[in-house]
Amino acid sequence: MLVEKRRIFFVKKIIKSFLKLCSEQRGEIKASLVSCKKLSEKELNEISVQFSQSMGSKVKFDLSVDESLIGGVKIQLGSLMVDTSIKNKLKQYEQLMVEK
């Protein structure tokens, strides 16, 4: 039908919406996780379990790597941001030194 109506460009959006509905039906929450290096399955599972327990729902992560973080991770879930990166801590120390 999409091909007949020349709407094939909507396929990605339809699939994305369908997957989102499936996740919501299973009670999953989507979050993005940015780390300084590629995480092993064990590390990812530990973070997922801890975050899922604190949120009360199963959390699925969209993973990405940003080597400029130096160390640690950044997790974004809606408006909630958890930043444990060394880059962020260095920036906070820099601001403290400038203020004094």
Protein backbone atom coordinates (compact mmCIF):
# COMPACT_ATOMS: atom_id res chain seq x y z
CA MET A 1 0.00 0.00 0.00
CA LEU A 2 2.86 2.36 0.81
CA VAL A 3 4.40 1.70 -2.58
CA GLU A 4 1.07 2.18 -4.38
CA LYS A 5 0.46 5.51 -2.62
CA ARG A 6 4.11 6.54 -3.09
CA ARG A 7 4.70 6.83 0.65
CA ILE A 8 7.61 4.37 0.94
CA PHE A 9 9.66 7.05 2.71
CA PHE A 10 7.41 6.54 5.78
CA VAL A 11 8.68 2.97 6.35
CA LYS A 12 11.42 3.99 8.85
CA LYS A 13 8.98 6.12 10.84
CA ILE A 14 6.38 3.33 10.89
CA ILE A 15 8.93 0.77 12.09
CA LYS A 16 10.25 3.14 14.75
CA SER A 17 6.72 3.85 16.02
CA PHE A 18 5.89 0.14 16.06
CA LEU A 19 9.01 -0.71 18.07
CA LYS A 20 8.21 2.10 20.51
CA LEU A 21 4.69 0.73 21.03
CA CYS A 22 6.09 -2.78 21.58
CA SER A 23 8.53 -1.45 24.21
CA GLU A 24 5.78 0.44 26.00
CA GLN A 25 3.58 -2.67 25.98
CA ARG A 26 6.40 -4.68 27.62
CA GLY A 27 6.94 -1.93 30.22
CA GLU A 28 10.36 -0.95 28.93
CA ILE A 29 11.84 2.54 29.09
CA LYS A 30 14.30 3.84 26.47
CA ALA A 31 17.38 5.74 27.59
CA SER A 32 20.61 6.78 25.92
CA LEU A 33 23.94 5.74 27.38
CA VAL A 34 27.18 7.39 26.29
CA SER A 35 30.44 5.88 27.52
CA CYS A 36 34.11 6.63 27.01
CA LYS A 37 34.70 3.14 25.58
CA LYS A 38 32.73 0.20 24.27
CA LEU A 39 31.16 -1.52 27.26
CA SER A 40 31.23 -5.27 27.76
CA GLU A 41 27.98 -7.19 28.14
CA LYS A 42 28.67 -7.67 31.86
CA GLU A 43 29.18 -3.93 32.45
CA LEU A 44 26.09 -3.08 30.43
CA ASN A 45 23.98 -5.62 32.33
CA GLU A 46 25.17 -4.24 35.70
CA ILE A 47 24.26 -0.68 34.71
CA SER A 48 20.93 -1.83 33.28
CA VAL A 49 19.99 -3.80 36.41
CA GLN A 50 20.90 -0.95 38.78
CA PHE A 51 19.11 1.68 36.70
CA SER A 52 16.05 -0.58 36.21
CA GLN A 53 15.76 -1.13 39.97
CA SER A 54 15.86 2.59 40.70
CA MET A 55 13.34 3.41 37.93
CA GLY A 56 10.96 0.53 38.68
CA SER A 57 10.82 -0.53 35.00
CA LYS A 58 13.10 -2.35 32.63
CA VAL A 59 15.45 0.10 30.91
CA LYS A 60 16.73 -0.42 27.34
CA PHE A 61 19.77 1.64 26.33
CA ASP A 62 20.74 3.21 23.01
CA LEU A 63 24.52 2.92 23.22
CA SER A 64 27.13 5.30 21.86
CA VAL A 65 30.82 5.97 22.51
CA ASP A 66 32.39 9.41 23.11
CA GLU A 67 36.11 9.12 23.83
CA SER A 68 36.25 12.78 24.93
CA LEU A 69 34.53 11.77 28.21
CA ILE A 70 37.92 10.39 29.38
CA GLY A 71 36.11 8.02 31.79
CA GLY A 72 32.65 7.30 33.18
CA VAL A 73 29.22 7.38 31.51
CA LYS A 74 26.36 9.74 30.73
CA ILE A 75 22.78 8.43 30.90
CA GLN A 76 19.85 10.43 29.51
CA LEU A 77 16.29 9.32 30.27
CA GLY A 78 13.82 11.98 29.22
CA SER A 79 14.69 15.07 31.27
CA LEU A 80 16.75 13.03 33.77
CA MET A 81 20.51 13.24 33.15
CA VAL A 82 23.12 11.26 35.09
CA ASP A 83 26.66 12.37 34.22
CA THR A 84 29.50 10.53 35.96
CA SER A 85 32.12 11.37 33.34
CA ILE A 86 35.57 12.65 34.24
CA LYS A 87 35.14 15.38 31.62
CA ASN A 88 32.13 16.74 33.56
CA LYS A 89 33.95 16.56 36.90
CA LEU A 90 36.95 18.46 35.47
CA LYS A 91 34.60 21.11 34.10
CA GLN A 92 32.97 21.49 37.55
CA TYR A 93 36.40 21.90 39.19
CA GLU A 94 37.35 24.48 36.57
CA GLN A 95 34.19 26.48 37.32
CA LEU A 96 34.89 26.34 41.06
CA MET A 97 38.43 27.65 40.56
CA VAL A 98 37.21 30.49 38.29
CA GLU A 99 34.57 31.54 40.84
CA LYS A 100 37.10 31.88 43.67
